[in-house]
Amino acid sequence: MLLLGFILLIVVVVFALENRAPVTVEFLAWRYDTLVGVAMIAAGVAGAIIIYLSGVVAQARVRSRLRSAEARVKELEQQLKVAASQIPQITYGERE
């Protein structure tokens, strides 16, 4: 995994070095002069962070639903025990 990360780092550095044309990035009242490669890498990192955070939120929702489902299962198991204790026990060979 470390090797894969190192290879990816080399690819990103080569990409940034190959795309050295200056560009002006404007957003609302903000203006920033940078290189094309750096701007594209920054956009990719920002996108990755947004995707990661949305995944964290989705995972939190799933965990919450799981906890609710587990609580419901425990509740139903208790109800089953109560219901089972109310059924008369009949053994094989007994007749009423």
Protein backbone atom coordinates (compact mmCIF):
# COMPACT_ATOMS: atom_id res chain seq x y z
CA MET A 1 0.00 0.00 0.00
CA LEU A 2 2.88 2.30 0.79
CA LEU A 3 4.41 1.57 -2.61
CA LEU A 4 1.14 2.42 -4.33
CA GLY A 5 0.97 5.72 -2.43
CA PHE A 6 4.54 6.54 -3.40
CA ILE A 7 3.84 5.80 -7.07
CA LEU A 8 0.72 7.98 -6.95
CA LEU A 9 2.75 10.79 -5.37
CA ILE A 10 5.32 10.59 -8.18
CA VAL A 11 2.55 10.71 -10.81
CA VAL A 12 0.99 13.78 -9.15
CA VAL A 13 4.34 15.58 -8.94
CA VAL A 14 5.12 14.81 -12.60
CA PHE A 15 1.64 16.04 -13.55
CA ALA A 16 2.16 19.32 -11.67
CA LEU A 17 5.57 19.83 -13.24
CA GLU A 18 4.26 19.13 -16.75
CA ASN A 19 1.38 21.61 -16.38
CA ARG A 20 3.20 24.81 -15.46
CA ALA A 21 1.13 27.30 -17.46
CA PRO A 22 -0.06 30.20 -15.32
CA VAL A 23 -3.79 30.51 -14.68
CA THR A 24 -5.99 32.86 -12.66
CA VAL A 25 -8.61 31.16 -10.50
CA GLU A 26 -11.59 33.34 -9.57
CA PHE A 27 -14.33 32.44 -7.11
CA LEU A 28 -16.80 35.06 -5.90
CA ALA A 29 -14.58 37.95 -4.72
CA TRP A 30 -11.51 35.76 -4.39
CA ARG A 31 -8.80 35.79 -7.10
CA TYR A 32 -5.67 33.64 -7.08
CA ASP A 33 -2.84 33.25 -9.62
CA THR A 34 -1.35 29.76 -9.77
CA LEU A 35 -0.20 27.04 -12.15
CA VAL A 36 -2.66 24.84 -14.05
CA GLY A 37 -1.29 21.66 -12.51
CA VAL A 38 -1.50 23.01 -8.98
CA ALA A 39 -5.05 24.26 -9.56
CA MET A 40 -6.15 20.87 -10.91
CA ILE A 41 -4.53 18.99 -8.03
CA ALA A 42 -6.18 21.36 -5.54
CA ALA A 43 -9.55 20.79 -7.20
CA GLY A 44 -9.03 17.02 -7.04
CA VAL A 45 -8.07 17.15 -3.37
CA ALA A 46 -11.07 19.36 -2.57
CA GLY A 47 -13.34 16.91 -4.40
CA ALA A 48 -11.83 13.96 -2.56
CA ILE A 49 -12.40 15.68 0.79
CA ILE A 50 -16.03 16.40 -0.10
CA ILE A 51 -16.60 12.78 -1.16
CA TYR A 52 -14.91 11.51 2.02
CA LEU A 53 -17.04 13.73 4.25
CA SER A 54 -20.24 12.70 2.51
CA GLY A 55 -19.22 9.08 3.06
CA VAL A 56 -18.64 9.74 6.75
CA VAL A 57 -22.12 11.26 7.05
CA ALA A 58 -23.69 8.31 5.23
CA GLN A 59 -21.81 5.86 7.43
CA ALA A 60 -23.03 7.64 10.56
CA ARG A 61 -26.61 7.31 9.31
CA VAL A 62 -26.14 3.60 8.65
CA ARG A 63 -24.64 3.05 12.10
CA SER A 64 -27.58 4.85 13.67
CA ARG A 65 -30.05 2.66 11.79
CA LEU A 66 -28.06 -0.43 12.81
CA ARG A 67 -28.22 0.52 16.49
CA SER A 68 -31.98 1.07 16.19
CA ALA A 69 -32.41 -2.30 14.47
CA GLU A 70 -30.32 -4.06 17.12
CA ALA A 71 -32.42 -2.48 19.87
CA ARG A 72 -35.59 -3.63 18.10
CA VAL A 73 -34.22 -7.17 17.81
CA LYS A 74 -33.50 -7.27 21.56
CA GLU A 75 -37.00 -5.98 22.28
CA LEU A 76 -38.54 -8.66 20.06
CA GLU A 77 -36.39 -11.36 21.64
CA GLN A 78 -37.71 -10.34 25.06
CA GLN A 79 -41.28 -10.45 23.77
CA LEU A 80 -40.61 -13.93 22.36
CA LYS A 81 -39.31 -15.15 25.72
CA VAL A 82 -42.41 -13.83 27.48
CA ALA A 83 -44.72 -15.40 24.91
CA ALA A 84 -42.85 -18.72 25.04
CA SER A 85 -43.14 -18.81 28.84
CA GLN A 86 -46.91 -18.41 28.59
CA ILE A 87 -47.32 -21.47 26.35
CA PRO A 88 -47.99 -24.61 28.41
CA GLN A 89 -45.22 -27.15 28.19
CA ILE A 90 -46.34 -30.44 26.61
CA THR A 91 -44.02 -33.40 26.64
CA TYR A 92 -44.23 -36.34 24.29
CA GLY A 93 -46.62 -38.99 25.46
CA GLU A 94 -48.78 -36.78 27.65
CA ARG A 95 -52.47 -36.48 26.94
CA GLU A 96 -54.92 -34.04 28.34
